[in-house]
Amino acid sequence: MAVVGIIGGGIGGLAVAWNLVVEGQDSGTIPEIHIFEKNDRFGGNANTKQFDFGKGPGYEDAPLMRWADMGVNDFNTAAYQNIVKVMDQIGFTKENGSYRNLEDSTTYFNTKGHAVTSNAYKDANGADQLDPWWGTAMAPDLYASVTSFMEIGGKDAELPKFHDYTMEQYIQEQSPVHNWVPELGPEVIYPRVNGMYFTSGPLGPRSMPFAAVMHYYKIQEGAGGIPADRNYFVGGADKWIDALVGYMADNMPQITFHTGWDARITRDTASGGYNVSDASGKNGPLAVGSVVLATPADIALRIFTDGLPAKAANIMSQIKYEVAVSVAHTDTRLMPVNRNAWSTYNIVIHEPGSVALKPYTIHYVANRHQNDKASNQFNKFGAPEFFLSINPHIPVSPDKVLKDAETGEPAVANLSHFVFDFDCMAAQHAIEGQQGAQGIYYASGWTHGSGLHTECWSQGEDVAAKLIAALKTGVHEAKAPTKSQGELITSRLARSSGSI
């Protein structure tokens, strides 16, 4: 029986394993599958901390437990159709309370107290509603501009004309065409890109590829297309990963899960396959016929002791990573001065004149992100009140940092993510021509779009199909991409946004 080794137990690696079984069942060829994960948990950037807030009114019998996702924390069911299909199959559904709609509100603020909010407005029936984008606290002309930008920009992202544009170039060119006000970029778009995206370079979000940024917003928030239906994971993103791994372990006996493996790979010249060992010496080695690299590009470059194929190594060397710091805390000093302006997402606008709006900075009000109107404890500002900050713009007071209930350690985590810039888009196109070369496949987040879960799953489907086809013929063969870089961007965006 063919043996496949998947290095990395994030959503990309899990997606490949799942789809190898599904694709193999359809074709009658299911390999023996091994997933090697360095940590003692699966999920990658899906990393949840649990908090014990003790006993109190309404929860006298047992401590009140809450959580914070230090990385992945919500998803859009309107676009994540492949993920929702899998969730339904494993019983992780909205109907049974596995996930719920979050409160989609945003505030932009600076350190001097100025804030522009997207709070509730009255609908035609007089009921309170939340504007999913920007809110009515903005000046009417700015509000009209940003609403127009998201609608038009979401559609323009699919046009080849704009695939080489930076954010700044697009806004400057299109503003007079659509009557967008000058405040559009510096007051809202650039801070929003900076607050929801990993940026790089001296100009930060201004120099980000327009197509890359709108790619993210079209999928995650429905820009220019199907309105978003954003949800949070009840109990944290780890619950979804645990449910997925548990289902696979119980129902897919072809898969073996290995944790604590700091994988190193050597070529077995006799068999033409590979040996996977553990750098710590505690595990392995284990022989596999083909390898799927589902790790970040910088880690993948270090895994092969004999070196990766030169073309693939050169491609992966173009991928840049940035590391953010996530902190769960109760320090209100990091929030807008006006408490009434607090929203689910609170994004820092850097001072006027700032060239690059860095670092990536956002503050979540957990009681609004994990909002539950049926519960006074969890509804908006119910008790207890706490926050998650990514790259805090001022240091969090040490005595305000929450502690993980499981370890007793401060709830601080490093979050590494690739930068979806022009080099990355070129690399994603180029790596398609290396899939299968020397029996090696690539399936980490950096290989497909902005690395959202739905995109990782799509890549898992594609890689699994290539692998099953190769196992049936006994030949692993790389093939040149059939689409140009622009065509690949457009087709992936349409697929992942739920429009096809």
Protein backbone atom coordinates (compact mmCIF):
# COMPACT_ATOMS: atom_id res chain seq x y z
CA MET A 1 0.00 0.00 0.00
CA ALA A 2 1.21 3.52 -0.80
CA VAL A 3 2.23 5.60 2.22
CA VAL A 4 1.85 9.38 2.37
CA GLY A 5 3.53 11.53 5.03
CA ILE A 6 1.92 14.90 5.79
CA ILE A 7 4.20 17.28 7.67
CA GLY A 8 2.15 19.76 9.70
CA GLY A 9 -1.13 19.34 11.55
CA GLY A 10 -2.70 22.71 10.82
CA ILE A 11 -5.87 23.02 8.78
CA GLY A 12 -3.86 22.62 5.55
CA GLY A 13 -2.44 19.24 6.57
CA LEU A 14 -5.76 18.04 7.98
CA ALA A 15 -7.51 19.07 4.76
CA VAL A 16 -5.13 16.99 2.66
CA ALA A 17 -5.61 13.93 4.90
CA TRP A 18 -9.41 14.24 4.86
CA ASN A 19 -9.56 14.67 1.11
CA LEU A 20 -7.12 11.83 0.45
CA VAL A 21 -9.61 9.51 2.12
CA VAL A 22 -12.64 11.03 0.37
CA GLU A 23 -10.93 11.16 -3.03
CA GLY A 24 -9.46 7.70 -2.51
CA GLN A 25 -12.85 6.21 -1.68
CA ASP A 26 -14.26 7.56 -4.92
CA SER A 27 -11.38 6.18 -6.97
CA GLY A 28 -10.75 2.99 -5.00
CA THR A 29 -7.23 4.08 -4.01
CA ILE A 30 -6.78 5.12 -0.39
CA PRO A 31 -3.17 5.36 0.81
CA GLU A 32 -1.85 4.85 4.32
CA ILE A 33 -1.64 8.39 5.73
CA HIS A 34 0.56 9.73 8.53
CA ILE A 35 0.26 13.29 9.88
CA PHE A 36 3.32 14.56 11.76
CA GLU A 37 2.80 17.54 14.07
CA LYS A 38 5.59 19.18 16.08
CA ASN A 39 3.32 20.40 18.89
CA ASP A 40 1.08 18.44 21.21
CA ARG A 41 -2.04 19.85 19.55
CA PHE A 42 -3.39 20.24 16.03
CA GLY A 43 -4.72 23.38 14.41
CA GLY A 44 -1.76 25.69 13.83
CA ASN A 45 -2.97 29.29 14.21
CA ALA A 46 -6.25 28.04 15.68
CA ASN A 47 -5.08 28.46 19.28
CA THR A 48 -7.53 28.92 22.15
CA LYS A 49 -6.85 29.89 25.77
CA GLN A 50 -9.40 29.10 28.48
CA PHE A 51 -10.01 31.32 31.54
CA ASP A 52 -11.47 30.58 34.95
CA PHE A 53 -13.26 33.67 36.31
CA GLY A 54 -14.35 31.93 39.49
CA LYS A 55 -17.80 31.78 41.05
CA GLY A 56 -20.26 34.64 41.31
CA PRO A 57 -23.90 35.66 40.99
CA GLY A 58 -25.61 33.37 38.52
CA TYR A 59 -22.81 30.82 38.55
CA GLU A 60 -22.46 29.92 42.23
CA ASP A 61 -22.18 26.17 41.65
CA ALA A 62 -19.34 26.12 39.14
CA PRO A 63 -16.72 28.61 37.96
CA LEU A 64 -17.54 30.78 34.96
CA MET A 65 -15.30 29.69 32.10
CA ARG A 66 -14.57 31.94 29.11
CA TRP A 67 -12.08 31.76 26.28
CA ALA A 68 -10.06 33.80 23.80
CA ASP A 69 -8.78 32.73 20.40
CA MET A 70 -5.23 33.98 20.06
CA GLY A 71 -5.26 33.52 16.28
CA VAL A 72 -8.11 32.22 14.09
CA ASN A 73 -11.34 33.36 15.74
CA ASP A 74 -14.26 33.57 13.28
CA PHE A 75 -15.44 32.58 9.81
CA ASN A 76 -17.96 33.54 7.13
CA THR A 77 -20.43 30.73 6.42
CA ALA A 78 -21.57 32.43 3.19
CA ALA A 79 -18.12 31.89 1.69
CA TYR A 80 -16.74 28.94 3.68
CA GLN A 81 -19.09 26.53 1.96
CA ASN A 82 -16.59 23.65 1.82
CA ILE A 83 -15.83 24.06 5.55
CA VAL A 84 -19.52 24.24 6.48
CA LYS A 85 -20.16 21.04 4.51
CA VAL A 86 -17.49 19.25 6.55
CA MET A 87 -18.77 20.79 9.79
CA ASP A 88 -22.24 19.47 9.01
CA GLN A 89 -20.85 16.00 8.34
CA ILE A 90 -19.00 15.81 11.65
CA GLY A 91 -21.90 17.31 13.64
CA PHE A 92 -20.32 20.69 14.32
CA THR A 93 -23.33 22.85 13.51
CA LYS A 94 -25.02 26.12 14.39
CA GLU A 95 -28.15 24.16 15.29
CA ASN A 96 -26.38 22.31 18.10
CA GLY A 97 -24.63 25.45 19.33
CA SER A 98 -21.15 24.77 17.96
CA TYR A 99 -20.97 28.25 16.46
CA ARG A 100 -23.03 31.43 16.55
CA ASN A 101 -23.27 34.77 14.80
CA LEU A 102 -20.91 37.38 16.15
CA GLU A 103 -21.63 41.08 16.50
CA ASP A 104 -19.99 42.65 13.45
CA SER A 105 -19.13 46.19 14.63
CA THR A 106 -15.96 48.26 14.26
CA THR A 107 -14.41 51.38 15.79
CA TYR A 108 -11.43 53.31 14.43
CA PHE A 109 -9.65 55.39 17.03
CA ASN A 110 -6.40 57.18 17.75
CA THR A 111 -4.52 57.57 21.00
CA LYS A 112 -5.94 61.06 21.57
CA GLY A 113 -9.44 59.75 21.97
CA HIS A 114 -10.93 60.45 18.55
CA ALA A 115 -13.15 57.57 17.45
CA VAL A 116 -15.29 56.73 14.45
CA THR A 117 -17.68 53.91 15.19
CA SER A 118 -19.90 51.44 13.39
CA ASN A 119 -22.52 51.02 16.08
CA ALA A 120 -26.25 50.34 15.81
CA TYR A 121 -28.70 52.18 13.59
CA LYS A 122 -32.50 52.13 13.37
CA ASP A 123 -34.07 50.19 10.50
CA ALA A 124 -37.38 51.08 8.81
CA ASN A 125 -39.27 49.40 11.65
CA GLY A 126 -37.38 51.27 14.35
CA ALA A 127 -35.41 48.21 15.45
CA ASP A 128 -31.70 48.36 16.31
CA GLN A 129 -29.50 46.91 13.58
CA LEU A 130 -25.73 46.73 13.10
CA ASP A 131 -24.17 48.06 9.96
CA PRO A 132 -21.84 45.27 8.83
CA TRP A 133 -19.26 47.64 7.39
CA TRP A 134 -18.80 51.06 8.83
CA GLY A 135 -21.75 52.50 10.69
CA THR A 136 -23.52 55.82 10.72
CA ALA A 137 -21.20 57.70 13.11
CA MET A 138 -19.04 58.62 10.13
CA ALA A 139 -19.55 61.78 8.15
CA PRO A 140 -22.08 60.99 5.39
CA ASP A 141 -19.62 61.58 2.53
CA LEU A 142 -16.99 59.31 4.10
CA TYR A 143 -19.60 56.67 4.87
CA ALA A 144 -20.79 56.75 1.26
CA SER A 145 -17.19 56.48 0.01
CA VAL A 146 -16.21 53.46 2.08
CA THR A 147 -19.45 51.65 1.30
CA SER A 148 -18.90 52.29 -2.40
CA PHE A 149 -15.27 51.23 -2.13
CA MET A 150 -16.11 47.83 -0.64
CA GLU A 151 -18.79 47.13 -3.23
CA ILE A 152 -16.78 48.27 -6.25
CA GLY A 153 -13.38 47.14 -5.00
CA GLY A 154 -14.65 43.65 -4.25
CA LYS A 155 -15.67 43.26 -7.89
CA ASP A 156 -12.61 45.02 -9.34
CA ALA A 157 -10.33 42.55 -7.52
CA GLU A 158 -11.24 39.91 -10.10
CA LEU A 159 -10.27 42.08 -13.07
CA PRO A 160 -6.81 41.48 -14.57
CA LYS A 161 -6.38 45.24 -14.99
CA PHE A 162 -5.94 45.67 -11.24
CA HIS A 163 -3.82 42.63 -10.38
CA ASP A 164 -0.62 44.70 -10.39
CA TYR A 165 -2.04 47.67 -8.47
CA THR A 166 -1.10 48.58 -4.92
CA MET A 167 -3.81 49.69 -2.52
CA GLU A 168 -2.64 53.28 -2.74
CA GLN A 169 -2.50 53.22 -6.54
CA TYR A 170 -6.03 51.86 -6.78
CA ILE A 171 -7.50 54.37 -4.33
CA GLN A 172 -5.74 57.33 -5.91
CA GLU A 173 -6.83 56.36 -9.42
CA GLN A 174 -10.39 55.36 -8.62
CA SER A 175 -11.28 58.06 -6.07
CA PRO A 176 -12.06 60.78 -8.66
CA VAL A 177 -13.87 58.21 -10.83
CA HIS A 178 -16.27 57.28 -8.01
CA ASN A 179 -16.18 60.54 -6.01
CA TRP A 180 -14.47 58.98 -3.00
CA VAL A 181 -13.35 61.53 -0.40
CA PRO A 182 -9.63 62.06 0.46
CA GLU A 183 -10.15 60.63 3.97
CA LEU A 184 -11.05 57.23 2.52
CA GLY A 185 -7.52 55.82 2.63
CA PRO A 186 -5.87 57.33 5.74
CA GLU A 187 -8.95 57.41 7.99
CA VAL A 188 -10.51 54.02 7.22
CA ILE A 189 -9.09 51.74 4.51
CA TYR A 190 -5.42 51.75 5.49
CA PRO A 191 -6.14 51.35 9.21
CA ARG A 192 -8.64 48.60 8.40
CA VAL A 193 -6.16 46.75 6.19
CA ASN A 194 -3.56 47.20 8.91
CA GLY A 195 -5.95 46.02 11.59
CA MET A 196 -7.13 42.90 9.77
CA TYR A 197 -4.16 41.93 7.67
CA PHE A 198 -0.46 41.15 7.88
CA THR A 199 1.35 43.90 6.01
CA SER A 200 4.99 44.39 5.19
CA GLY A 201 7.39 46.89 3.64
CA PRO A 202 8.07 50.52 4.55
CA LEU A 203 4.64 51.71 3.38
CA GLY A 204 2.64 49.01 5.14
CA PRO A 205 -0.93 48.69 3.81
CA ARG A 206 -0.40 51.36 1.16
CA SER A 207 1.97 49.09 -0.76
CA MET A 208 -0.08 45.91 -0.33
CA PRO A 209 -1.44 44.38 -3.56
CA PHE A 210 -4.97 45.60 -4.15
CA ALA A 211 -6.03 42.15 -5.39
CA ALA A 212 -4.60 40.48 -2.29
CA VAL A 213 -6.36 42.77 0.17
CA MET A 214 -9.72 42.61 -1.58
CA HIS A 215 -9.26 38.85 -1.95
CA TYR A 216 -9.36 38.65 1.86
CA TYR A 217 -12.31 41.00 2.28
CA LYS A 218 -14.36 39.36 -0.45
CA ILE A 219 -14.04 35.97 1.22
CA GLN A 220 -14.08 36.96 4.88
CA GLU A 221 -16.56 39.84 4.75
CA GLY A 222 -18.45 39.56 1.47
CA ALA A 223 -17.04 42.65 -0.24
CA GLY A 224 -18.60 43.14 -3.67
CA GLY A 225 -20.51 39.89 -3.53
CA ILE A 226 -22.57 37.64 -1.27
CA PRO A 227 -23.24 39.35 2.11
CA ALA A 228 -21.17 37.89 4.92
CA ASP A 229 -22.57 35.67 7.68
CA ARG A 230 -19.79 35.88 10.26
CA ASN A 231 -19.69 33.45 13.17
CA TYR A 232 -17.52 32.66 16.17
CA PHE A 233 -16.66 29.21 17.50
CA VAL A 234 -18.40 28.55 20.82
CA GLY A 235 -15.63 27.64 23.23
CA GLY A 236 -12.97 28.72 20.75
CA ALA A 237 -11.52 27.64 17.41
CA ASP A 238 -9.84 24.68 19.10
CA LYS A 239 -13.30 23.11 19.45
CA TRP A 240 -13.69 22.93 15.68
CA ILE A 241 -10.23 21.44 15.23
CA ASP A 242 -10.80 18.94 18.05
CA ALA A 243 -14.12 17.91 16.51
CA LEU A 244 -12.50 17.46 13.10
CA VAL A 245 -9.54 15.44 14.38
CA GLY A 246 -11.81 13.35 16.62
CA TYR A 247 -14.09 12.49 13.71
CA MET A 248 -11.15 11.60 11.47
CA ALA A 249 -9.61 9.42 14.17
CA ASP A 250 -12.88 7.57 14.69
CA ASN A 251 -13.98 7.23 11.05
CA MET A 252 -10.85 7.28 8.90
CA PRO A 253 -8.64 4.38 10.03
CA GLN A 254 -6.26 5.04 7.13
CA ILE A 255 -4.95 8.09 9.03
CA THR A 256 -2.43 7.93 11.89
CA PHE A 257 -1.86 11.07 13.95
CA HIS A 258 1.60 11.76 15.39
CA THR A 259 2.30 14.61 17.82
CA GLY A 260 5.63 15.70 19.23
CA TRP A 261 7.45 15.08 15.93
CA ASP A 262 9.97 17.75 14.95
CA ALA A 263 10.08 16.20 11.52
CA ARG A 264 13.24 15.81 9.46
CA ILE A 265 13.17 14.16 6.06
CA THR A 266 15.87 12.26 4.20
CA ARG A 267 15.71 10.74 0.76
CA ASP A 268 15.77 6.95 0.57
CA THR A 269 17.62 6.35 -2.68
CA ALA A 270 16.92 2.62 -2.62
CA SER A 271 13.12 2.95 -2.54
CA GLY A 272 12.80 6.37 -4.13
CA GLY A 273 10.75 7.47 -1.12
CA TYR A 274 11.59 9.27 2.12
CA ASN A 275 12.30 8.61 5.77
CA VAL A 276 10.63 10.86 8.32
CA SER A 277 12.50 11.10 11.62
CA ASP A 278 12.17 13.24 14.75
CA ALA A 279 14.93 15.77 15.42
CA SER A 280 14.59 15.03 19.15
CA GLY A 281 15.31 11.36 18.52
CA LYS A 282 12.18 10.31 20.40
CA ASN A 283 10.26 9.03 17.39
CA GLY A 284 10.78 7.30 14.07
CA PRO A 285 12.09 7.01 11.55
CA LEU A 286 9.10 6.08 9.42
CA ALA A 287 9.25 5.34 5.71
CA VAL A 288 6.83 7.10 3.33
CA GLY A 289 6.54 7.05 -0.44
CA SER A 290 5.55 10.70 -0.91
CA VAL A 291 5.52 13.84 1.21
CA VAL A 292 3.07 16.71 1.67
CA LEU A 293 4.62 19.84 3.17
CA ALA A 294 1.83 21.53 5.13
CA THR A 295 4.10 23.78 7.16
CA PRO A 296 4.99 27.45 6.74
CA ALA A 297 7.48 27.97 3.91
CA ASP A 298 10.32 29.00 6.21
CA ILE A 299 9.92 25.81 8.24
CA ALA A 300 9.62 23.62 5.14
CA LEU A 301 12.99 24.91 3.94
CA ARG A 302 14.63 23.44 7.06
CA ILE A 303 12.92 20.05 7.13
CA PHE A 304 14.75 18.29 4.30
CA THR A 305 18.22 17.29 5.48
CA ASP A 306 19.32 16.76 1.87
CA GLY A 307 17.70 20.00 0.75
CA LEU A 308 14.47 20.57 -1.14
CA PRO A 309 14.43 20.55 -4.93
CA ALA A 310 16.13 23.77 -6.00
CA LYS A 311 13.16 25.25 -7.87
CA ALA A 312 10.78 24.75 -4.96
CA ALA A 313 13.32 26.09 -2.49
CA ASN A 314 13.79 29.24 -4.57
CA ILE A 315 10.04 29.77 -4.72
CA MET A 316 9.56 29.34 -0.97
CA SER A 317 12.42 31.71 -0.19
CA GLN A 318 10.23 34.52 -1.59
CA ILE A 319 7.64 34.08 1.18
CA LYS A 320 7.98 36.53 4.06
CA TYR A 321 6.57 36.03 7.54
CA GLU A 322 5.64 38.43 10.31
CA VAL A 323 5.05 37.49 13.93
CA ALA A 324 2.35 39.20 15.94
CA VAL A 325 1.87 39.05 19.71
CA SER A 326 -1.62 38.28 21.04
CA VAL A 327 -2.50 39.15 24.65
CA ALA A 328 -5.73 38.42 26.54
CA HIS A 329 -6.29 40.98 29.29
CA THR A 330 -8.59 43.33 31.22
CA ASP A 331 -6.60 46.56 30.67
CA THR A 332 -9.11 49.23 29.54
CA ARG A 333 -6.32 51.73 28.77
CA LEU A 334 -5.86 50.10 25.35
CA MET A 335 -9.45 50.80 24.35
CA PRO A 336 -11.05 54.00 22.94
CA VAL A 337 -11.41 56.70 25.60
CA ASN A 338 -15.15 56.85 25.02
CA ARG A 339 -16.52 53.59 26.37
CA ASN A 340 -19.66 53.99 24.26
CA ALA A 341 -17.47 53.67 21.16
CA TRP A 342 -16.21 50.20 22.07
CA SER A 343 -17.01 47.68 19.34
CA THR A 344 -16.20 44.08 18.50
CA TYR A 345 -13.17 45.25 16.50
CA ASN A 346 -11.26 48.35 17.64
CA ILE A 347 -8.61 49.47 15.17
CA VAL A 348 -5.91 52.04 15.83
CA ILE A 349 -5.54 54.94 13.40
CA HIS A 350 -1.93 56.07 13.57
CA GLU A 351 -1.17 59.74 14.02
CA PRO A 352 -1.48 62.01 10.96
CA GLY A 353 1.68 61.98 8.89
CA SER A 354 2.59 58.36 9.67
CA VAL A 355 4.11 56.83 6.56
CA ALA A 356 3.49 53.22 7.46
CA LEU A 357 0.61 52.24 9.69
CA LYS A 358 2.45 49.51 11.52
CA PRO A 359 2.45 47.29 13.39
CA TYR A 360 -0.73 45.30 12.80
CA THR A 361 -2.89 46.43 15.74
CA ILE A 362 -6.42 45.48 16.74
CA HIS A 363 -8.28 45.11 20.01
CA TYR A 364 -11.26 42.76 20.37
CA VAL A 365 -13.93 43.22 23.02
CA ALA A 366 -14.53 39.56 23.81
CA ASN A 367 -17.99 40.28 25.21
CA ARG A 368 -19.07 41.58 21.81
CA HIS A 369 -17.17 39.11 19.65
CA GLN A 370 -18.61 36.22 21.68
CA ASN A 371 -21.94 37.96 22.01
CA ASP A 372 -24.93 35.96 23.19
CA LYS A 373 -28.09 38.03 23.60
CA ALA A 374 -29.76 35.14 25.43
CA SER A 375 -27.23 35.38 28.26
CA ASN A 376 -26.77 38.45 30.45
CA GLN A 377 -23.27 37.21 31.28
CA PHE A 378 -22.13 37.22 27.66
CA ASN A 379 -24.30 39.95 26.13
CA LYS A 380 -22.13 42.91 25.08
CA PHE A 381 -20.72 44.34 28.31
CA GLY A 382 -21.86 41.54 30.58
CA ALA A 383 -19.55 40.21 33.27
CA PRO A 384 -16.70 39.49 33.12
CA GLU A 385 -15.37 42.09 30.69
CA PHE A 386 -12.10 41.29 28.90
CA PHE A 387 -10.19 41.94 25.69
CA LEU A 388 -7.80 40.41 23.20
CA SER A 389 -5.13 42.68 21.73
CA ILE A 390 -2.90 41.82 18.80
CA ASN A 391 0.32 43.87 18.90
CA PRO A 392 -0.84 46.22 21.69
CA HIS A 393 0.04 49.84 20.87
CA ILE A 394 0.93 50.38 24.54
CA PRO A 395 2.18 47.67 26.93
CA VAL A 396 -0.54 45.74 28.74
CA SER A 397 -0.22 46.12 32.49
CA PRO A 398 1.23 42.79 33.74
CA ASP A 399 -1.38 42.51 36.49
CA LYS A 400 -4.14 42.79 33.86
CA VAL A 401 -2.93 39.89 31.68
CA LEU A 402 -5.22 36.88 32.03
CA LYS A 403 -3.83 33.45 32.84
CA ASP A 404 -4.56 30.28 30.93
CA ALA A 405 -6.71 28.04 33.14
CA GLU A 406 -4.89 24.91 31.95
CA THR A 407 -1.28 26.01 32.42
CA GLY A 408 -1.47 28.96 34.79
CA GLU A 409 0.76 30.88 32.39
CA PRO A 410 -0.02 34.38 31.06
CA ALA A 411 -2.29 34.28 28.03
CA VAL A 412 0.27 35.52 25.53
CA ALA A 413 0.92 33.88 22.16
CA ASN A 414 3.02 34.48 19.08
CA LEU A 415 1.09 34.36 15.83
CA SER A 416 3.13 33.84 12.66
CA HIS A 417 1.56 34.51 9.26
CA PHE A 418 2.90 34.93 5.75
CA VAL A 419 2.66 38.30 4.01
CA PHE A 420 0.31 38.13 1.02
CA ASP A 421 2.32 40.52 -1.16
CA PHE A 422 3.29 40.54 -4.84
CA ASP A 423 6.14 38.08 -4.22
CA CYS A 424 3.75 35.69 -2.49
CA MET A 425 1.22 35.83 -5.33
CA ALA A 426 3.99 35.02 -7.81
CA ALA A 427 5.19 32.17 -5.59
CA GLN A 428 1.69 30.70 -5.32
CA HIS A 429 1.51 30.56 -9.10
CA ALA A 430 5.01 29.13 -9.48
CA ILE A 431 4.59 26.40 -6.84
CA GLU A 432 1.73 24.93 -8.89
CA GLY A 433 4.35 23.85 -11.41
CA GLN A 434 6.27 21.99 -8.69
CA GLN A 435 3.40 19.97 -7.23
CA GLY A 436 4.45 16.31 -7.36
CA ALA A 437 8.08 16.85 -8.39
CA GLN A 438 10.13 14.09 -6.71
CA GLY A 439 6.98 12.97 -4.88
CA ILE A 440 6.68 16.23 -2.90
CA TYR A 441 3.49 18.30 -2.62
CA TYR A 442 2.79 21.70 -1.00
CA ALA A 443 -0.35 22.51 0.99
CA SER A 444 0.32 25.14 3.66
CA GLY A 445 -1.64 28.39 3.90
CA TRP A 446 0.95 30.32 1.89
CA THR A 447 0.22 28.21 -1.21
CA HIS A 448 -3.37 29.41 -1.74
CA GLY A 449 -4.67 32.96 -1.37
CA SER A 450 -4.55 34.59 2.04
CA GLY A 451 -4.53 31.28 3.92
CA LEU A 452 -8.07 31.43 5.30
CA HIS A 453 -9.51 28.08 6.38
CA THR A 454 -11.70 27.79 3.31
CA GLU A 455 -8.67 28.37 1.09
CA CYS A 456 -6.59 25.82 2.98
CA TRP A 457 -9.40 23.34 2.47
CA SER A 458 -9.56 24.08 -1.26
CA GLN A 459 -5.82 23.51 -1.52
CA GLY A 460 -6.25 20.25 0.39
CA GLU A 461 -8.79 19.13 -2.20
CA ASP A 462 -6.47 20.03 -5.07
CA VAL A 463 -3.39 18.36 -3.60
CA ALA A 464 -5.32 15.22 -2.65
CA ALA A 465 -6.66 14.91 -6.20
CA LYS A 466 -3.15 15.24 -7.64
CA LEU A 467 -1.78 12.69 -5.20
CA ILE A 468 -4.51 10.12 -5.81
CA ALA A 469 -4.01 10.45 -9.57
CA ALA A 470 -0.26 9.94 -9.13
CA LEU A 471 -0.76 6.90 -6.89
CA LYS A 472 -3.03 5.29 -9.45
CA THR A 473 -0.44 5.65 -12.21
CA GLY A 474 2.59 5.14 -9.97
CA VAL A 475 4.15 8.34 -11.36
CA HIS A 476 4.56 11.62 -9.47
CA GLU A 477 4.89 14.23 -12.18
CA ALA A 478 4.92 18.00 -11.89
CA LYS A 479 2.93 19.86 -14.52
CA ALA A 480 3.17 23.49 -15.57
CA PRO A 481 0.22 25.67 -14.48
CA THR A 482 -2.53 25.84 -17.06
CA LYS A 483 -3.62 29.29 -15.86
CA SER A 484 -1.66 32.54 -15.86
CA GLN A 485 -0.99 34.18 -12.51
CA GLY A 486 -3.92 36.54 -12.96
CA GLU A 487 -6.25 33.75 -14.07
CA LEU A 488 -5.23 31.69 -11.04
CA ILE A 489 -6.00 34.61 -8.70
CA THR A 490 -9.38 35.18 -10.29
CA SER A 491 -10.44 31.52 -10.31
CA ARG A 492 -9.35 30.93 -6.71
CA LEU A 493 -11.12 34.07 -5.53
CA ALA A 494 -14.36 33.08 -7.23
CA ARG A 495 -14.11 29.56 -5.79
CA SER A 496 -13.28 30.57 -2.22
CA SER A 497 -15.76 33.45 -2.00
CA GLY A 498 -18.64 31.10 -2.68
CA SER A 499 -19.50 32.64 -6.03
CA ILE A 500 -18.92 29.33 -7.86
